[in-house]
Amino acid sequence: PPTLLSAEPANGSVRFAADRIVLHFNECVKLDHLRERLLISPPLDKQPEVQVVGGTDVVLQLKAPLLPNTTYTFNIGETVVDLTEGNAAAGLSYVVSTGDVLDSLLISGVVVDAFNTKPEDGVLVVLHSDTDSTGFTTGRPGYFTRTDKDGGFNLRNLRSGSYQLHALKDQNANFRYDLP
């Protein structure tokens, strides 16, 4: 799979104020299922424009301002694949903070089907502020990720606080429980 050599601004940067991120890989890459696989947490008001430039660089052009004093995680590993074999840069994420520190709390777990106890792959795991009583059905999550093939998930770079945790098969990709 492709290996991230460097990034501009550097991965783990604080006081992030750029409107563009450039990721430099060790080989030619392409983007695969960008809309479904690129997860940015907390979610942005507008998705960035993402393209491959020069074969080995992935450029994310941000289209909306970022919130102050917030740590953003760009989960990009499943989206970036090598050009020849299609191997994904699995597990790759890029993290920056618009504040002075990177938030560092973590929640991890496994999502299983309550009826058959089998792991659930590709389920959206969302965190809402514990003061947001309607967030699961009407709002946007503060943080989110997807489960892997074993049902496992990791929500990293969380701000200190209390949250409601939900798992959801989000069939219309709007990050909320609203289908029958």
N, C-alpha and C. Protein backbone atom coordinates (compact mmCIF):
# COMPACT_ATOMS: atom_id res chain seq x y z
N PRO A 1 0.83 -1.21 0.00
CA PRO A 1 0.00 0.00 0.00
C PRO A 1 0.86 1.26 0.00
N PRO A 2 0.28 2.37 -0.42
CA PRO A 2 1.01 3.64 -0.41
C PRO A 2 1.40 4.04 1.01
N THR A 3 2.57 4.67 1.12
CA THR A 3 3.05 5.17 2.40
C THR A 3 3.10 6.68 2.35
N LEU A 4 2.58 7.32 3.39
CA LEU A 4 2.63 8.78 3.48
C LEU A 4 4.05 9.19 3.86
N LEU A 5 4.70 9.96 2.99
CA LEU A 5 6.06 10.43 3.24
C LEU A 5 6.08 11.71 4.06
N SER A 6 5.20 12.64 3.70
CA SER A 6 5.13 13.92 4.41
C SER A 6 3.82 14.60 4.08
N ALA A 7 3.55 15.69 4.80
CA ALA A 7 2.32 16.44 4.58
C ALA A 7 2.61 17.92 4.80
N GLU A 8 1.84 18.75 4.11
CA GLU A 8 1.92 20.21 4.26
C GLU A 8 0.53 20.74 4.56
N PRO A 9 0.32 21.34 5.70
CA PRO A 9 1.13 21.39 6.90
C PRO A 9 1.36 19.98 7.47
N ALA A 10 2.34 19.86 8.34
CA ALA A 10 2.72 18.56 8.89
C ALA A 10 1.57 17.93 9.67
N ASN A 11 1.49 16.61 9.60
CA ASN A 11 0.52 15.86 10.39
C ASN A 11 0.77 16.17 11.87
N GLY A 12 -0.30 16.45 12.62
CA GLY A 12 -0.17 16.78 14.03
C GLY A 12 0.04 18.26 14.30
N SER A 13 -0.11 19.09 13.27
CA SER A 13 0.09 20.53 13.44
C SER A 13 -0.97 21.15 14.35
N VAL A 14 -0.56 22.17 15.07
CA VAL A 14 -1.49 22.98 15.86
C VAL A 14 -1.54 24.37 15.25
N ARG A 15 -2.53 25.16 15.67
CA ARG A 15 -2.77 26.49 15.11
C ARG A 15 -2.93 26.43 13.58
N PHE A 16 -3.61 25.39 13.13
CA PHE A 16 -3.83 25.17 11.70
C PHE A 16 -4.76 26.25 11.16
N ALA A 17 -4.32 26.95 10.10
CA ALA A 17 -5.14 28.01 9.52
C ALA A 17 -5.15 27.93 7.99
N ALA A 18 -4.60 26.88 7.43
CA ALA A 18 -4.52 26.75 5.97
C ALA A 18 -5.87 26.39 5.38
N ASP A 19 -6.01 26.58 4.08
CA ASP A 19 -7.22 26.15 3.39
C ASP A 19 -6.92 24.99 2.44
N ARG A 20 -5.69 24.45 2.57
CA ARG A 20 -5.27 23.38 1.67
C ARG A 20 -4.31 22.45 2.40
N ILE A 21 -4.47 21.16 2.16
CA ILE A 21 -3.59 20.14 2.73
C ILE A 21 -3.01 19.35 1.57
N VAL A 22 -1.70 19.12 1.59
CA VAL A 22 -1.05 18.31 0.56
C VAL A 22 -0.39 17.12 1.23
N LEU A 23 -0.75 15.93 0.77
CA LEU A 23 -0.19 14.68 1.29
C LEU A 23 0.70 14.07 0.23
N HIS A 24 1.97 13.83 0.57
CA HIS A 24 2.95 13.29 -0.38
C HIS A 24 3.14 11.80 -0.12
N PHE A 25 2.90 10.97 -1.14
CA PHE A 25 3.02 9.52 -1.01
C PHE A 25 4.25 9.01 -1.75
N ASN A 26 4.66 7.78 -1.43
CA ASN A 26 5.87 7.18 -1.98
C ASN A 26 5.67 6.55 -3.35
N GLU A 27 4.45 6.53 -3.85
CA GLU A 27 4.18 5.94 -5.16
C GLU A 27 2.94 6.61 -5.76
N CYS A 28 2.70 6.31 -7.03
CA CYS A 28 1.52 6.87 -7.70
C CYS A 28 0.25 6.31 -7.07
N VAL A 29 -0.71 7.20 -6.82
CA VAL A 29 -1.95 6.81 -6.15
C VAL A 29 -3.15 7.28 -6.95
N LYS A 30 -4.29 6.73 -6.59
CA LYS A 30 -5.57 7.21 -7.11
C LYS A 30 -6.56 7.22 -5.96
N LEU A 31 -7.69 7.87 -6.16
CA LEU A 31 -8.74 7.96 -5.15
C LEU A 31 -9.82 6.95 -5.46
N ASP A 32 -10.28 6.23 -4.45
CA ASP A 32 -11.27 5.17 -4.64
C ASP A 32 -12.45 5.40 -3.69
N HIS A 33 -13.64 5.53 -4.23
CA HIS A 33 -14.86 5.72 -3.45
C HIS A 33 -14.72 6.87 -2.45
N LEU A 34 -14.28 7.98 -2.95
CA LEU A 34 -13.98 9.15 -2.12
C LEU A 34 -15.16 9.55 -1.24
N ARG A 35 -16.34 9.67 -1.83
CA ARG A 35 -17.50 10.16 -1.09
C ARG A 35 -17.87 9.26 0.09
N GLU A 36 -17.75 7.94 -0.09
CA GLU A 36 -18.12 7.01 0.96
C GLU A 36 -17.01 6.79 1.99
N ARG A 37 -15.76 6.91 1.57
CA ARG A 37 -14.65 6.48 2.43
C ARG A 37 -13.91 7.60 3.15
N LEU A 38 -13.91 8.81 2.61
CA LEU A 38 -13.23 9.90 3.29
C LEU A 38 -14.10 10.36 4.46
N LEU A 39 -13.59 10.18 5.67
CA LEU A 39 -14.33 10.57 6.86
C LEU A 39 -13.57 11.68 7.57
N ILE A 40 -14.23 12.80 7.76
CA ILE A 40 -13.63 13.94 8.45
C ILE A 40 -14.42 14.18 9.72
N SER A 41 -13.72 14.14 10.84
CA SER A 41 -14.40 14.23 12.12
C SER A 41 -13.72 15.28 12.99
N PRO A 42 -14.50 16.25 13.53
CA PRO A 42 -15.91 16.49 13.32
C PRO A 42 -16.20 16.84 11.86
N PRO A 43 -17.44 16.61 11.42
CA PRO A 43 -17.77 16.85 10.02
C PRO A 43 -17.69 18.33 9.64
N LEU A 44 -17.33 18.57 8.40
CA LEU A 44 -17.25 19.94 7.88
C LEU A 44 -18.59 20.34 7.27
N ASP A 45 -18.85 21.66 7.22
CA ASP A 45 -20.08 22.13 6.58
C ASP A 45 -20.10 21.81 5.10
N LYS A 46 -18.94 21.87 4.44
CA LYS A 46 -18.82 21.52 3.03
C LYS A 46 -17.64 20.58 2.87
N GLN A 47 -17.83 19.53 2.08
CA GLN A 47 -16.75 18.58 1.84
C GLN A 47 -15.63 19.25 1.04
N PRO A 48 -14.38 18.91 1.33
CA PRO A 48 -13.28 19.50 0.58
C PRO A 48 -13.22 18.94 -0.84
N GLU A 49 -12.60 19.68 -1.72
CA GLU A 49 -12.32 19.18 -3.06
C GLU A 49 -11.02 18.38 -2.94
N VAL A 50 -11.03 17.14 -3.39
CA VAL A 50 -9.87 16.27 -3.24
C VAL A 50 -9.46 15.78 -4.61
N GLN A 51 -8.15 15.88 -4.91
CA GLN A 51 -7.65 15.40 -6.19
C GLN A 51 -6.21 14.94 -6.06
N VAL A 52 -5.80 14.09 -7.00
CA VAL A 52 -4.42 13.65 -7.08
C VAL A 52 -3.70 14.59 -8.04
N VAL A 53 -2.54 15.09 -7.61
CA VAL A 53 -1.74 16.01 -8.42
C VAL A 53 -0.34 15.40 -8.59
N GLY A 54 0.11 15.33 -9.82
CA GLY A 54 1.45 14.82 -10.09
C GLY A 54 1.61 13.34 -9.81
N GLY A 55 0.54 12.63 -9.66
CA GLY A 55 0.59 11.19 -9.46
C GLY A 55 0.79 10.74 -8.02
N THR A 56 1.61 11.46 -7.24
CA THR A 56 1.93 11.01 -5.89
C THR A 56 1.42 11.92 -4.78
N ASP A 57 0.80 13.03 -5.12
CA ASP A 57 0.31 13.97 -4.11
C ASP A 57 -1.22 14.00 -4.10
N VAL A 58 -1.79 13.97 -2.91
CA VAL A 58 -3.23 14.14 -2.75
C VAL A 58 -3.44 15.51 -2.13
N VAL A 59 -4.25 16.33 -2.80
CA VAL A 59 -4.51 17.70 -2.34
C VAL A 59 -5.95 17.80 -1.88
N LEU A 60 -6.14 18.27 -0.65
CA LEU A 60 -7.47 18.53 -0.11
C LEU A 60 -7.63 20.03 -0.02
N GLN A 61 -8.54 20.59 -0.81
CA GLN A 61 -8.82 22.01 -0.79
C GLN A 61 -10.07 22.22 0.06
N LEU A 62 -9.89 22.85 1.22
CA LEU A 62 -11.01 23.04 2.13
C LEU A 62 -11.95 24.10 1.59
N LYS A 63 -13.25 23.84 1.70
CA LYS A 63 -14.28 24.73 1.14
C LYS A 63 -15.10 25.43 2.21
N ALA A 64 -14.75 25.21 3.47
CA ALA A 64 -15.48 25.85 4.57
C ALA A 64 -14.50 26.13 5.69
N PRO A 65 -14.74 27.19 6.45
CA PRO A 65 -13.84 27.48 7.57
C PRO A 65 -13.93 26.40 8.64
N LEU A 66 -12.84 26.19 9.35
CA LEU A 66 -12.81 25.24 10.44
C LEU A 66 -13.14 25.95 11.75
N LEU A 67 -13.70 25.20 12.68
CA LEU A 67 -14.07 25.77 13.98
C LEU A 67 -12.82 26.10 14.79
N PRO A 68 -12.86 27.14 15.60
CA PRO A 68 -11.69 27.47 16.44
C PRO A 68 -11.49 26.42 17.54
N ASN A 69 -10.25 26.25 17.95
CA ASN A 69 -9.88 25.36 19.06
C ASN A 69 -10.48 23.96 18.91
N THR A 70 -10.37 23.41 17.71
CA THR A 70 -10.95 22.10 17.40
C THR A 70 -9.90 21.23 16.74
N THR A 71 -9.85 19.96 17.14
CA THR A 71 -8.98 18.99 16.50
C THR A 71 -9.77 18.25 15.43
N TYR A 72 -9.24 18.22 14.23
CA TYR A 72 -9.87 17.55 13.09
C TYR A 72 -9.07 16.32 12.70
N THR A 73 -9.78 15.22 12.46
CA THR A 73 -9.17 13.99 11.99
C THR A 73 -9.70 13.69 10.59
N PHE A 74 -8.79 13.58 9.64
CA PHE A 74 -9.12 13.23 8.26
C PHE A 74 -8.75 11.76 8.08
N ASN A 75 -9.73 10.87 8.10
CA ASN A 75 -9.49 9.45 7.89
C ASN A 75 -9.49 9.20 6.39
N ILE A 76 -8.31 9.00 5.83
CA ILE A 76 -8.18 8.94 4.38
C ILE A 76 -7.66 7.60 3.87
N GLY A 77 -7.27 6.72 4.76
CA GLY A 77 -6.59 5.49 4.37
C GLY A 77 -7.31 4.62 3.37
N GLU A 78 -8.59 4.45 3.50
CA GLU A 78 -9.32 3.58 2.57
C GLU A 78 -9.58 4.26 1.23
N THR A 79 -9.44 5.57 1.18
CA THR A 79 -9.69 6.32 -0.05
C THR A 79 -8.50 6.32 -0.99
N VAL A 80 -7.28 6.37 -0.43
CA VAL A 80 -6.06 6.45 -1.22
C VAL A 80 -5.55 5.03 -1.49
N VAL A 81 -5.44 4.67 -2.78
CA VAL A 81 -4.96 3.34 -3.17
C VAL A 81 -3.84 3.49 -4.18
N ASP A 82 -2.96 2.47 -4.22
CA ASP A 82 -1.89 2.56 -5.21
C ASP A 82 -2.43 2.33 -6.61
N LEU A 83 -1.78 2.93 -7.56
CA LEU A 83 -2.27 2.97 -8.93
C LEU A 83 -2.26 1.60 -9.60
N THR A 84 -1.28 0.76 -9.30
CA THR A 84 -1.14 -0.49 -10.03
C THR A 84 -1.95 -1.64 -9.45
N GLU A 85 -1.94 -1.81 -8.14
CA GLU A 85 -2.60 -2.97 -7.54
C GLU A 85 -3.87 -2.64 -6.76
N GLY A 86 -4.11 -1.37 -6.49
CA GLY A 86 -5.31 -0.97 -5.76
C GLY A 86 -5.25 -1.23 -4.27
N ASN A 87 -4.04 -1.36 -3.71
CA ASN A 87 -3.90 -1.56 -2.26
C ASN A 87 -4.17 -0.24 -1.54
N ALA A 88 -5.02 -0.29 -0.53
CA ALA A 88 -5.39 0.92 0.21
C ALA A 88 -4.37 1.23 1.30
N ALA A 89 -4.21 2.50 1.58
CA ALA A 89 -3.36 2.97 2.68
C ALA A 89 -4.18 2.86 3.97
N ALA A 90 -4.60 1.66 4.29
CA ALA A 90 -5.53 1.39 5.40
C ALA A 90 -5.06 1.99 6.71
N GLY A 91 -6.00 2.58 7.43
CA GLY A 91 -5.71 3.11 8.75
C GLY A 91 -5.02 4.46 8.77
N LEU A 92 -4.78 5.04 7.60
CA LEU A 92 -4.06 6.30 7.53
C LEU A 92 -4.99 7.46 7.90
N SER A 93 -4.53 8.30 8.80
CA SER A 93 -5.29 9.50 9.13
C SER A 93 -4.34 10.69 9.24
N TYR A 94 -4.90 11.86 9.05
CA TYR A 94 -4.18 13.13 9.14
C TYR A 94 -4.92 13.96 10.18
N VAL A 95 -4.18 14.48 11.16
CA VAL A 95 -4.79 15.18 12.29
C VAL A 95 -4.17 16.55 12.44
N VAL A 96 -5.02 17.57 12.60
CA VAL A 96 -4.57 18.94 12.87
C VAL A 96 -5.52 19.58 13.87
N SER A 97 -5.03 20.63 14.52
CA SER A 97 -5.86 21.37 15.46
C SER A 97 -5.81 22.85 15.10
N THR A 98 -6.96 23.49 15.18
CA THR A 98 -7.01 24.94 14.98
C THR A 98 -6.64 25.68 16.26
N GLY A 99 -6.51 24.96 17.36
CA GLY A 99 -6.12 25.56 18.64
C GLY A 99 -4.66 25.31 18.95
N ASP A 100 -4.32 25.45 20.22
CA ASP A 100 -2.94 25.31 20.67
C ASP A 100 -2.55 23.88 21.00
N VAL A 101 -3.51 22.97 21.10
CA VAL A 101 -3.22 21.58 21.46
C VAL A 101 -4.02 20.63 20.59
N LEU A 102 -3.51 19.40 20.45
CA LEU A 102 -4.27 18.33 19.81
C LEU A 102 -5.07 17.62 20.89
N ASP A 103 -6.38 17.50 20.70
CA ASP A 103 -7.18 16.72 21.63
C ASP A 103 -6.72 15.26 21.54
N SER A 104 -6.76 14.53 22.67
CA SER A 104 -6.12 13.22 22.66
C SER A 104 -6.94 12.08 23.26
N LEU A 105 -8.19 12.32 23.60
CA LEU A 105 -8.97 11.23 24.18
C LEU A 105 -9.39 10.24 23.11
N LEU A 106 -9.68 9.01 23.53
CA LEU A 106 -9.99 7.90 22.62
C LEU A 106 -11.14 7.08 23.19
N ILE A 107 -12.04 6.68 22.31
CA ILE A 107 -13.06 5.69 22.65
C ILE A 107 -12.94 4.59 21.60
N SER A 108 -12.88 3.34 22.05
CA SER A 108 -12.83 2.23 21.11
C SER A 108 -13.80 1.15 21.58
N GLY A 109 -14.18 0.30 20.64
CA GLY A 109 -15.11 -0.77 20.99
C GLY A 109 -15.41 -1.63 19.79
N VAL A 110 -16.41 -2.47 19.95
CA VAL A 110 -16.84 -3.39 18.89
C VAL A 110 -18.36 -3.29 18.80
N VAL A 111 -18.88 -3.20 17.57
CA VAL A 111 -20.32 -3.19 17.34
C VAL A 111 -20.72 -4.57 16.84
N VAL A 112 -21.69 -5.17 17.53
CA VAL A 112 -22.21 -6.48 17.13
C VAL A 112 -23.72 -6.39 16.95
N ASP A 113 -24.24 -7.24 16.08
CA ASP A 113 -25.68 -7.35 15.88
C ASP A 113 -26.30 -7.92 17.15
N ALA A 114 -27.29 -7.25 17.70
CA ALA A 114 -27.90 -7.67 18.96
C ALA A 114 -28.62 -9.01 18.84
N PHE A 115 -29.05 -9.40 17.63
CA PHE A 115 -29.81 -10.63 17.47
C PHE A 115 -28.92 -11.85 17.26
N ASN A 116 -27.79 -11.68 16.56
CA ASN A 116 -26.95 -12.85 16.29
C ASN A 116 -25.53 -12.72 16.84
N THR A 117 -25.21 -11.62 17.49
CA THR A 117 -23.90 -11.31 18.10
C THR A 117 -22.73 -11.36 17.13
N LYS A 118 -23.00 -11.22 15.83
CA LYS A 118 -21.91 -11.17 14.85
C LYS A 118 -21.45 -9.73 14.67
N PRO A 119 -20.15 -9.52 14.40
CA PRO A 119 -19.63 -8.17 14.21
C PRO A 119 -20.28 -7.48 13.02
N GLU A 120 -20.45 -6.18 13.13
CA GLU A 120 -21.06 -5.38 12.07
C GLU A 120 -19.99 -4.56 11.35
N ASP A 121 -19.81 -4.79 10.07
CA ASP A 121 -18.83 -4.09 9.23
C ASP A 121 -19.47 -2.86 8.60
N GLY A 122 -18.74 -1.74 8.61
CA GLY A 122 -19.19 -0.54 7.91
C GLY A 122 -20.30 0.24 8.60
N VAL A 123 -20.53 -0.02 9.86
CA VAL A 123 -21.55 0.70 10.61
C VAL A 123 -20.98 2.04 11.08
N LEU A 124 -21.78 3.08 10.99
CA LEU A 124 -21.38 4.40 11.45
C LEU A 124 -21.50 4.46 12.97
N VAL A 125 -20.43 4.86 13.63
CA VAL A 125 -20.43 5.05 15.08
C VAL A 125 -20.31 6.55 15.30
N VAL A 126 -21.27 7.13 16.02
CA VAL A 126 -21.34 8.59 16.17
C VAL A 126 -21.34 8.97 17.65
N LEU A 127 -20.76 10.14 17.92
CA LEU A 127 -20.79 10.74 19.25
C LEU A 127 -21.50 12.07 19.15
N HIS A 128 -22.45 12.28 20.04
CA HIS A 128 -23.13 13.56 20.19
C HIS A 128 -22.88 14.05 21.61
N SER A 129 -22.86 15.35 21.78
CA SER A 129 -22.75 15.92 23.11
C SER A 129 -23.89 15.39 23.95
N ASP A 130 -23.62 15.07 25.22
CA ASP A 130 -24.68 14.52 26.06
C ASP A 130 -25.78 15.53 26.37
N THR A 131 -25.57 16.80 26.03
CA THR A 131 -26.62 17.81 26.20
C THR A 131 -27.50 17.93 24.97
N ASP A 132 -27.15 17.22 23.88
CA ASP A 132 -27.91 17.28 22.62
C ASP A 132 -28.88 16.10 22.57
N SER A 133 -30.08 16.27 23.12
CA SER A 133 -31.02 15.16 23.24
C SER A 133 -31.65 14.75 21.92
N THR A 134 -31.62 15.59 20.90
CA THR A 134 -32.22 15.23 19.61
C THR A 134 -31.17 15.04 18.51
N GLY A 135 -29.91 15.11 18.86
CA GLY A 135 -28.84 15.04 17.86
C GLY A 135 -28.85 13.79 17.02
N PHE A 136 -29.20 12.65 17.58
CA PHE A 136 -29.17 11.39 16.85
C PHE A 136 -30.18 11.38 15.71
N THR A 137 -31.30 12.11 15.85
CA THR A 137 -32.32 12.12 14.82
C THR A 137 -32.36 13.39 13.99
N THR A 138 -31.84 14.50 14.51
CA THR A 138 -31.95 15.75 13.76
C THR A 138 -30.63 16.47 13.54
N GLY A 139 -29.65 16.23 14.37
CA GLY A 139 -28.40 17.00 14.29
C GLY A 139 -27.28 16.25 13.60
N ARG A 140 -26.11 16.86 13.65
CA ARG A 140 -24.90 16.23 13.13
C ARG A 140 -24.04 15.80 14.30
N PRO A 141 -23.35 14.68 14.16
CA PRO A 141 -22.51 14.23 15.27
C PRO A 141 -21.31 15.14 15.46
N GLY A 142 -20.80 15.15 16.67
CA GLY A 142 -19.56 15.86 16.93
C GLY A 142 -18.38 15.09 16.38
N TYR A 143 -18.45 13.76 16.45
CA TYR A 143 -17.40 12.87 15.96
C TYR A 143 -18.05 11.63 15.37
N PHE A 144 -17.35 10.99 14.44
CA PHE A 144 -17.87 9.75 13.89
C PHE A 144 -16.76 8.96 13.22
N THR A 145 -17.02 7.66 13.06
CA THR A 145 -16.13 6.77 12.33
C THR A 145 -16.96 5.59 11.84
N ARG A 146 -16.33 4.68 11.12
CA ARG A 146 -16.99 3.45 10.67
C ARG A 146 -16.30 2.24 11.28
N THR A 147 -17.07 1.18 11.47
CA THR A 147 -16.49 -0.05 11.98
C THR A 147 -15.73 -0.78 10.88
N ASP A 148 -14.74 -1.59 11.31
CA ASP A 148 -13.99 -2.42 10.36
C ASP A 148 -14.69 -3.76 10.20
N LYS A 149 -14.08 -4.68 9.46
CA LYS A 149 -14.72 -5.97 9.17
C LYS A 149 -14.97 -6.80 10.42
N ASP A 150 -14.24 -6.52 11.50
CA ASP A 150 -14.43 -7.23 12.77
C ASP A 150 -15.37 -6.47 13.71
N GLY A 151 -16.00 -5.40 13.23
CA GLY A 151 -16.91 -4.61 14.04
C GLY A 151 -16.21 -3.60 14.93
N GLY A 152 -14.88 -3.54 14.87
CA GLY A 152 -14.13 -2.64 15.74
C GLY A 152 -14.15 -1.21 15.26
N PHE A 153 -14.03 -0.30 16.22
CA PHE A 153 -13.95 1.12 15.89
C PHE A 153 -13.05 1.83 16.88
N ASN A 154 -12.48 2.93 16.43
CA ASN A 154 -11.69 3.83 17.27
C ASN A 154 -12.10 5.25 16.94
N LEU A 155 -12.50 5.98 17.93
CA LEU A 155 -12.75 7.42 17.80
C LEU A 155 -11.61 8.10 18.53
N ARG A 156 -10.72 8.73 17.77
CA ARG A 156 -9.50 9.32 18.33
C ARG A 156 -9.57 10.85 18.31
N ASN A 157 -8.67 11.44 19.06
CA ASN A 157 -8.51 12.89 19.09
C ASN A 157 -9.79 13.60 19.52
N LEU A 158 -10.39 13.06 20.57
CA LEU A 158 -11.64 13.63 21.10
C LEU A 158 -11.33 14.68 22.15
N ARG A 159 -12.19 15.68 22.17
CA ARG A 159 -12.14 16.72 23.21
C ARG A 159 -12.73 16.15 24.49
N SER A 160 -12.23 16.58 25.61
CA SER A 160 -12.75 16.14 26.90
C SER A 160 -14.22 16.54 27.01
N GLY A 161 -15.05 15.64 27.52
CA GLY A 161 -16.46 15.94 27.68
C GLY A 161 -17.28 14.67 27.85
N SER A 162 -18.58 14.83 27.96
CA SER A 162 -19.51 13.70 28.05
C SER A 162 -20.27 13.60 26.74
N TYR A 163 -20.47 12.36 26.29
CA TYR A 163 -21.06 12.13 24.97
C TYR A 163 -22.10 11.02 25.04
N GLN A 164 -22.98 11.02 24.04
CA GLN A 164 -23.87 9.90 23.76
C GLN A 164 -23.27 9.17 22.57
N LEU A 165 -23.14 7.84 22.67
CA LEU A 165 -22.57 7.02 21.62
C LEU A 165 -23.67 6.21 20.97
N HIS A 166 -23.71 6.22 19.63
CA HIS A 166 -24.71 5.45 18.88
C HIS A 166 -24.04 4.75 17.72
N ALA A 167 -24.60 3.62 17.32
CA ALA A 167 -24.17 2.91 16.11
C ALA A 167 -25.35 2.88 15.16
N LEU A 168 -25.07 3.05 13.87
CA LEU A 168 -26.14 3.27 12.90
C LEU A 168 -25.73 2.79 11.52
N LYS A 169 -26.64 2.08 10.85
CA LYS A 169 -26.45 1.77 9.43
C LYS A 169 -27.03 2.95 8.66
N ASP A 170 -26.16 3.84 8.25
CA ASP A 170 -26.56 5.12 7.64
C ASP A 170 -26.70 4.95 6.14
N GLN A 171 -27.86 4.50 5.69
CA GLN A 171 -28.06 4.16 4.29
C GLN A 171 -28.21 5.37 3.38
N ASN A 172 -28.49 6.54 3.92
CA ASN A 172 -28.61 7.72 3.07
C ASN A 172 -27.49 8.74 3.34
N ALA A 173 -26.47 8.33 4.08
CA ALA A 173 -25.24 9.11 4.30
C ALA A 173 -25.47 10.52 4.84
N ASN A 174 -26.43 10.67 5.78
CA ASN A 174 -26.65 11.99 6.37
C ASN A 174 -26.29 12.04 7.85
N PHE A 175 -25.69 10.97 8.37
CA PHE A 175 -25.17 10.92 9.74
C PHE A 175 -26.23 10.98 10.82
N ARG A 176 -27.46 10.59 10.52
CA ARG A 176 -28.50 10.62 11.55
C ARG A 176 -29.49 9.46 11.35
N TYR A 177 -30.21 9.14 12.41
CA TYR A 177 -31.21 8.09 12.38
C TYR A 177 -32.52 8.69 11.89
N ASP A 178 -32.85 8.42 10.61
CA ASP A 178 -34.08 9.01 10.07
C ASP A 178 -34.78 8.12 9.05
N LEU A 179 -34.34 6.88 8.90
CA LEU A 179 -35.02 5.97 7.98
C LEU A 179 -35.92 5.02 8.76
N PRO A 180 -36.97 4.53 8.12
CA PRO A 180 -37.87 3.61 8.84
C PRO A 180 -37.15 2.33 9.25
